[in-house]
Amino acid sequence: MSWDLETPEGGRLGVNAWNWRPTLALLEEARVLDPETACLLGFNGCVELTGADASRIAAFLDDYLGGLPEHGRVLLDGEVTEEPDDHRLHRDDPALNYSATASWLRALRDFCRAAPNGFTCT
């Protein structure tokens, strides 16, 4: 499962479920997104975020990334690890399959910075 984030100006960023779900959990936990919006963004549909939403996400990620190790990963439960992803499918503990990498969070921050008119998530 994957999502496409697209700006009205034609900017595009793709993301898979393994990175997207912990990202949404992080943004909801930090109250950057309200629970309803975070939930809707987890489904394949069309959700629109405003320029103010994009700016808020970028600002949060700027601060958050300052404390995240260069090769860190945020797990689904919000824990941070520097242990590399082994890319195995963990059937016994599915939560281990999900992590938002520092590089992904930087890409999302940069995308949001370049989205003054917001973006859609489909």
N, C-alpha and C. Protein backbone atom coordinates (compact mmCIF):
# COMPACT_ATOMS: atom_id res chain seq x y z
N MET A 1 0.85 -1.16 0.00
CA MET A 1 0.00 0.00 0.00
C MET A 1 0.90 1.23 0.00
N SER A 2 0.51 2.22 -0.78
CA SER A 2 1.29 3.44 -0.84
C SER A 2 0.38 4.64 -1.05
N TRP A 3 0.94 5.82 -0.80
CA TRP A 3 0.21 7.07 -0.94
C TRP A 3 1.05 8.02 -1.77
N ASP A 4 0.35 8.93 -2.45
CA ASP A 4 1.00 10.00 -3.18
C ASP A 4 0.58 11.32 -2.56
N LEU A 5 1.56 12.13 -2.20
CA LEU A 5 1.32 13.48 -1.72
C LEU A 5 1.60 14.40 -2.89
N GLU A 6 0.63 15.28 -3.21
CA GLU A 6 0.78 16.13 -4.39
C GLU A 6 0.34 17.55 -4.08
N THR A 7 1.16 18.50 -4.50
CA THR A 7 0.83 19.91 -4.34
C THR A 7 0.06 20.40 -5.56
N PRO A 8 -0.69 21.49 -5.43
CA PRO A 8 -1.37 22.05 -6.61
C PRO A 8 -0.39 22.48 -7.70
N GLU A 9 0.84 22.76 -7.30
CA GLU A 9 1.86 23.20 -8.26
C GLU A 9 2.55 22.05 -8.97
N GLY A 10 2.21 20.84 -8.62
CA GLY A 10 2.80 19.68 -9.29
C GLY A 10 3.89 18.96 -8.52
N GLY A 11 4.18 19.40 -7.29
CA GLY A 11 5.15 18.67 -6.47
C GLY A 11 4.56 17.33 -6.06
N ARG A 12 5.42 16.33 -5.95
CA ARG A 12 4.93 14.99 -5.64
C ARG A 12 5.92 14.27 -4.75
N LEU A 13 5.39 13.53 -3.78
CA LEU A 13 6.20 12.69 -2.91
C LEU A 13 5.42 11.42 -2.64
N GLY A 14 6.03 10.29 -2.90
CA GLY A 14 5.40 9.00 -2.64
C GLY A 14 5.88 8.43 -1.32
N VAL A 15 5.02 7.66 -0.69
CA VAL A 15 5.39 7.02 0.58
C VAL A 15 4.67 5.68 0.70
N ASN A 16 5.36 4.71 1.30
CA ASN A 16 4.74 3.41 1.51
C ASN A 16 4.19 3.31 2.94
N ALA A 17 3.40 2.30 3.18
CA ALA A 17 2.77 2.12 4.49
C ALA A 17 3.79 1.94 5.60
N TRP A 18 4.92 1.30 5.29
CA TRP A 18 5.92 1.04 6.33
C TRP A 18 6.46 2.33 6.92
N ASN A 19 6.57 3.39 6.11
CA ASN A 19 7.04 4.69 6.60
C ASN A 19 5.89 5.61 7.01
N TRP A 20 4.76 5.51 6.33
CA TRP A 20 3.67 6.45 6.52
C TRP A 20 2.96 6.26 7.86
N ARG A 21 2.68 5.02 8.23
CA ARG A 21 1.94 4.77 9.48
C ARG A 21 2.66 5.31 10.71
N PRO A 22 3.97 5.07 10.89
CA PRO A 22 4.62 5.66 12.06
C PRO A 22 4.74 7.18 11.97
N THR A 23 4.79 7.71 10.75
CA THR A 23 4.82 9.16 10.58
C THR A 23 3.51 9.76 11.07
N LEU A 24 2.40 9.17 10.67
CA LEU A 24 1.09 9.66 11.12
C LEU A 24 0.96 9.55 12.63
N ALA A 25 1.43 8.44 13.20
CA ALA A 25 1.37 8.27 14.66
C ALA A 25 2.19 9.35 15.36
N LEU A 26 3.37 9.65 14.82
CA LEU A 26 4.22 10.69 15.38
C LEU A 26 3.54 12.05 15.32
N LEU A 27 2.97 12.39 14.17
CA LEU A 27 2.31 13.69 14.00
C LEU A 27 1.07 13.81 14.87
N GLU A 28 0.36 12.71 15.06
CA GLU A 28 -0.81 12.74 15.93
C GLU A 28 -0.39 12.86 17.40
N GLU A 29 0.60 12.09 17.80
CA GLU A 29 1.08 12.13 19.19
C GLU A 29 1.57 13.52 19.56
N ALA A 30 2.22 14.20 18.61
CA ALA A 30 2.74 15.55 18.84
C ALA A 30 1.65 16.62 18.68
N ARG A 31 0.45 16.20 18.34
CA ARG A 31 -0.70 17.09 18.14
C ARG A 31 -0.51 18.06 16.98
N VAL A 32 0.31 17.62 16.02
CA VAL A 32 0.47 18.38 14.78
C VAL A 32 -0.75 18.13 13.91
N LEU A 33 -1.25 16.90 13.95
CA LEU A 33 -2.49 16.52 13.27
C LEU A 33 -3.49 16.06 14.31
N ASP A 34 -4.74 16.38 14.10
CA ASP A 34 -5.78 15.88 15.00
C ASP A 34 -6.03 14.40 14.68
N PRO A 35 -6.57 13.66 15.64
CA PRO A 35 -6.76 12.22 15.43
C PRO A 35 -7.59 11.87 14.20
N GLU A 36 -8.62 12.64 13.92
CA GLU A 36 -9.47 12.34 12.75
C GLU A 36 -8.68 12.47 11.45
N THR A 37 -7.92 13.56 11.32
CA THR A 37 -7.13 13.77 10.11
C THR A 37 -6.07 12.70 9.96
N ALA A 38 -5.38 12.38 11.05
CA ALA A 38 -4.35 11.33 11.01
C ALA A 38 -4.97 10.01 10.58
N CYS A 39 -6.14 9.71 11.09
CA CYS A 39 -6.83 8.47 10.71
C CYS A 39 -7.19 8.47 9.23
N LEU A 40 -7.76 9.56 8.75
CA LEU A 40 -8.15 9.64 7.33
C LEU A 40 -6.93 9.54 6.41
N LEU A 41 -5.80 10.10 6.82
CA LEU A 41 -4.59 10.03 6.00
C LEU A 41 -4.05 8.61 5.91
N GLY A 42 -4.49 7.75 6.80
CA GLY A 42 -4.05 6.36 6.78
C GLY A 42 -4.83 5.47 5.83
N PHE A 43 -5.86 6.03 5.21
CA PHE A 43 -6.65 5.29 4.24
C PHE A 43 -6.33 5.80 2.85
N ASN A 44 -6.50 4.95 1.85
CA ASN A 44 -6.35 5.42 0.48
C ASN A 44 -7.64 6.10 0.07
N GLY A 45 -7.57 7.39 0.00
CA GLY A 45 -8.69 8.23 -0.39
C GLY A 45 -8.08 9.56 -0.77
N CYS A 46 -8.86 10.57 -0.79
CA CYS A 46 -8.32 11.89 -1.10
C CYS A 46 -8.53 12.79 0.11
N VAL A 47 -7.44 13.15 0.75
CA VAL A 47 -7.48 14.05 1.91
C VAL A 47 -6.67 15.28 1.55
N GLU A 48 -7.24 16.44 1.80
CA GLU A 48 -6.55 17.69 1.50
C GLU A 48 -6.04 18.32 2.79
N LEU A 49 -4.79 18.75 2.75
CA LEU A 49 -4.20 19.50 3.85
C LEU A 49 -3.91 20.91 3.36
N THR A 50 -4.10 21.87 4.22
CA THR A 50 -3.91 23.27 3.85
C THR A 50 -2.43 23.64 3.90
N GLY A 51 -2.14 24.83 3.40
CA GLY A 51 -0.79 25.36 3.51
C GLY A 51 -0.38 25.51 4.97
N ALA A 52 -1.32 25.88 5.83
CA ALA A 52 -1.03 26.00 7.27
C ALA A 52 -0.70 24.63 7.85
N ASP A 53 -1.41 23.59 7.42
CA ASP A 53 -1.10 22.23 7.87
C ASP A 53 0.32 21.85 7.45
N ALA A 54 0.65 22.10 6.20
CA ALA A 54 1.97 21.76 5.67
C ALA A 54 3.06 22.52 6.43
N SER A 55 2.82 23.78 6.70
CA SER A 55 3.79 24.60 7.43
C SER A 55 3.98 24.07 8.86
N ARG A 56 2.90 23.69 9.50
CA ARG A 56 2.96 23.14 10.86
C ARG A 56 3.74 21.83 10.89
N ILE A 57 3.51 20.96 9.89
CA ILE A 57 4.25 19.70 9.80
C ILE A 57 5.74 19.98 9.61
N ALA A 58 6.08 20.89 8.70
CA ALA A 58 7.48 21.22 8.43
C ALA A 58 8.16 21.78 9.67
N ALA A 59 7.49 22.67 10.38
CA ALA A 59 8.07 23.27 11.60
C ALA A 59 8.30 22.21 12.67
N PHE A 60 7.32 21.33 12.86
CA PHE A 60 7.49 20.27 13.84
C PHE A 60 8.67 19.38 13.46
N LEU A 61 8.74 18.97 12.20
CA LEU A 61 9.81 18.07 11.77
C LEU A 61 11.18 18.74 11.87
N ASP A 62 11.25 20.05 11.64
CA ASP A 62 12.51 20.77 11.85
C ASP A 62 13.01 20.56 13.27
N ASP A 63 12.14 20.78 14.23
CA ASP A 63 12.50 20.61 15.63
C ASP A 63 12.79 19.15 15.96
N TYR A 64 11.93 18.26 15.51
CA TYR A 64 12.05 16.85 15.84
C TYR A 64 13.34 16.26 15.28
N LEU A 65 13.65 16.59 14.05
CA LEU A 65 14.84 16.03 13.40
C LEU A 65 16.13 16.48 14.08
N GLY A 66 16.08 17.62 14.77
CA GLY A 66 17.25 18.09 15.50
C GLY A 66 17.68 17.12 16.60
N GLY A 67 16.75 16.34 17.11
CA GLY A 67 17.06 15.38 18.16
C GLY A 67 17.11 13.94 17.70
N LEU A 68 16.86 13.72 16.43
CA LEU A 68 16.85 12.35 15.89
C LEU A 68 18.22 12.03 15.29
N PRO A 69 18.82 10.91 15.68
CA PRO A 69 20.12 10.56 15.09
C PRO A 69 20.04 10.48 13.56
N GLU A 70 21.15 10.76 12.92
CA GLU A 70 21.23 10.77 11.45
C GLU A 70 20.65 9.51 10.82
N HIS A 71 20.92 8.37 11.41
CA HIS A 71 20.42 7.10 10.87
C HIS A 71 19.34 6.50 11.77
N GLY A 72 18.67 7.39 12.51
CA GLY A 72 17.62 6.93 13.41
C GLY A 72 16.35 6.57 12.68
N ARG A 73 15.53 5.77 13.36
CA ARG A 73 14.22 5.39 12.85
C ARG A 73 13.22 5.53 13.98
N VAL A 74 12.05 6.07 13.67
CA VAL A 74 10.97 6.16 14.64
C VAL A 74 10.04 4.98 14.40
N LEU A 75 9.90 4.16 15.42
CA LEU A 75 9.06 2.98 15.31
C LEU A 75 7.59 3.34 15.49
N LEU A 76 6.72 2.41 15.23
CA LEU A 76 5.28 2.65 15.29
C LEU A 76 4.84 3.15 16.66
N ASP A 77 5.50 2.69 17.72
CA ASP A 77 5.13 3.10 19.08
C ASP A 77 5.80 4.40 19.51
N GLY A 78 6.55 5.04 18.60
CA GLY A 78 7.21 6.30 18.90
C GLY A 78 8.63 6.15 19.41
N GLU A 79 9.04 4.93 19.71
CA GLU A 79 10.41 4.69 20.16
C GLU A 79 11.37 4.98 19.02
N VAL A 80 12.54 5.48 19.37
CA VAL A 80 13.58 5.77 18.38
C VAL A 80 14.68 4.73 18.52
N THR A 81 15.13 4.22 17.39
CA THR A 81 16.22 3.26 17.37
C THR A 81 17.22 3.65 16.30
N GLU A 82 18.46 3.27 16.53
CA GLU A 82 19.49 3.43 15.50
C GLU A 82 19.83 2.08 14.87
N GLU A 83 19.14 1.05 15.32
CA GLU A 83 19.35 -0.28 14.76
C GLU A 83 18.84 -0.29 13.32
N PRO A 84 19.65 -0.72 12.38
CA PRO A 84 19.21 -0.73 10.98
C PRO A 84 18.01 -1.66 10.77
N ASP A 85 17.20 -1.31 9.83
CA ASP A 85 16.07 -2.15 9.45
C ASP A 85 16.62 -3.40 8.76
N ASP A 86 16.16 -4.56 9.20
CA ASP A 86 16.65 -5.80 8.59
C ASP A 86 15.83 -6.20 7.36
N HIS A 87 14.79 -5.45 7.07
CA HIS A 87 13.94 -5.65 5.89
C HIS A 87 13.28 -7.03 5.84
N ARG A 88 13.19 -7.66 6.99
CA ARG A 88 12.46 -8.93 7.06
C ARG A 88 11.01 -8.64 7.43
N LEU A 89 10.11 -9.50 7.01
CA LEU A 89 8.71 -9.39 7.39
C LEU A 89 8.55 -10.06 8.76
N HIS A 90 8.19 -9.28 9.75
CA HIS A 90 8.04 -9.78 11.12
C HIS A 90 6.58 -10.16 11.34
N ARG A 91 6.28 -11.41 11.16
CA ARG A 91 4.90 -11.87 11.34
C ARG A 91 4.53 -12.01 12.81
N ASP A 92 5.51 -12.29 13.67
CA ASP A 92 5.24 -12.46 15.09
C ASP A 92 4.98 -11.13 15.79
N ASP A 93 5.54 -10.03 15.28
CA ASP A 93 5.33 -8.70 15.84
C ASP A 93 5.26 -7.71 14.69
N PRO A 94 4.08 -7.58 14.07
CA PRO A 94 3.95 -6.73 12.87
C PRO A 94 4.42 -5.29 13.07
N ALA A 95 4.36 -4.76 14.28
CA ALA A 95 4.79 -3.39 14.52
C ALA A 95 6.26 -3.19 14.16
N LEU A 96 7.06 -4.25 14.20
CA LEU A 96 8.48 -4.14 13.87
C LEU A 96 8.70 -3.87 12.38
N ASN A 97 7.68 -4.04 11.58
CA ASN A 97 7.80 -3.78 10.14
C ASN A 97 7.75 -2.30 9.79
N TYR A 98 7.30 -1.48 10.72
CA TYR A 98 7.06 -0.07 10.46
C TYR A 98 8.13 0.81 11.10
N SER A 99 8.64 1.76 10.34
CA SER A 99 9.51 2.78 10.92
C SER A 99 9.61 3.95 9.95
N ALA A 100 9.67 5.12 10.54
CA ALA A 100 9.87 6.34 9.76
C ALA A 100 11.34 6.71 9.90
N THR A 101 12.07 6.58 8.83
CA THR A 101 13.50 6.87 8.87
C THR A 101 13.75 8.38 8.91
N ALA A 102 14.91 8.73 9.41
CA ALA A 102 15.29 10.15 9.44
C ALA A 102 15.29 10.72 8.02
N SER A 103 15.78 9.95 7.06
CA SER A 103 15.82 10.46 5.68
C SER A 103 14.42 10.67 5.12
N TRP A 104 13.48 9.79 5.44
CA TRP A 104 12.10 9.97 5.00
C TRP A 104 11.50 11.22 5.66
N LEU A 105 11.72 11.40 6.96
CA LEU A 105 11.16 12.55 7.65
C LEU A 105 11.74 13.86 7.09
N ARG A 106 13.02 13.85 6.72
CA ARG A 106 13.60 15.04 6.08
C ARG A 106 12.93 15.32 4.73
N ALA A 107 12.67 14.26 3.95
CA ALA A 107 12.01 14.43 2.65
C ALA A 107 10.61 14.99 2.84
N LEU A 108 9.89 14.50 3.84
CA LEU A 108 8.54 15.02 4.11
C LEU A 108 8.61 16.47 4.56
N ARG A 109 9.56 16.80 5.43
CA ARG A 109 9.72 18.19 5.87
C ARG A 109 9.95 19.10 4.67
N ASP A 110 10.87 18.70 3.80
CA ASP A 110 11.19 19.52 2.63
C ASP A 110 10.00 19.65 1.69
N PHE A 111 9.26 18.57 1.51
CA PHE A 111 8.06 18.60 0.68
C PHE A 111 7.05 19.58 1.28
N CYS A 112 6.83 19.51 2.58
CA CYS A 112 5.87 20.40 3.24
C CYS A 112 6.30 21.85 3.16
N ARG A 113 7.59 22.10 3.29
CA ARG A 113 8.11 23.47 3.15
C ARG A 113 7.79 24.04 1.76
N ALA A 114 7.81 23.18 0.76
CA ALA A 114 7.58 23.60 -0.62
C ALA A 114 6.10 23.51 -1.00
N ALA A 115 5.21 23.44 -0.01
CA ALA A 115 3.78 23.31 -0.28
C ALA A 115 3.00 24.44 0.40
N PRO A 116 3.23 25.70 -0.01
CA PRO A 116 2.54 26.82 0.64
C PRO A 116 1.03 26.80 0.45
N ASN A 117 0.57 26.08 -0.56
CA ASN A 117 -0.86 25.98 -0.81
C ASN A 117 -1.43 24.63 -0.38
N GLY A 118 -0.63 23.90 0.42
CA GLY A 118 -1.08 22.61 0.92
C GLY A 118 -0.82 21.49 -0.07
N PHE A 119 -1.42 20.35 0.23
CA PHE A 119 -1.27 19.18 -0.63
C PHE A 119 -2.39 18.20 -0.40
N THR A 120 -2.54 17.33 -1.36
CA THR A 120 -3.51 16.25 -1.22
C THR A 120 -2.76 14.95 -0.99
N CYS A 121 -3.41 14.06 -0.30
CA CYS A 121 -2.87 12.74 -0.05
C CYS A 121 -3.84 11.74 -0.64
N THR A 122 -3.39 10.99 -1.63
CA THR A 122 -4.26 9.99 -2.27
C THR A 122 -3.58 8.64 -2.29
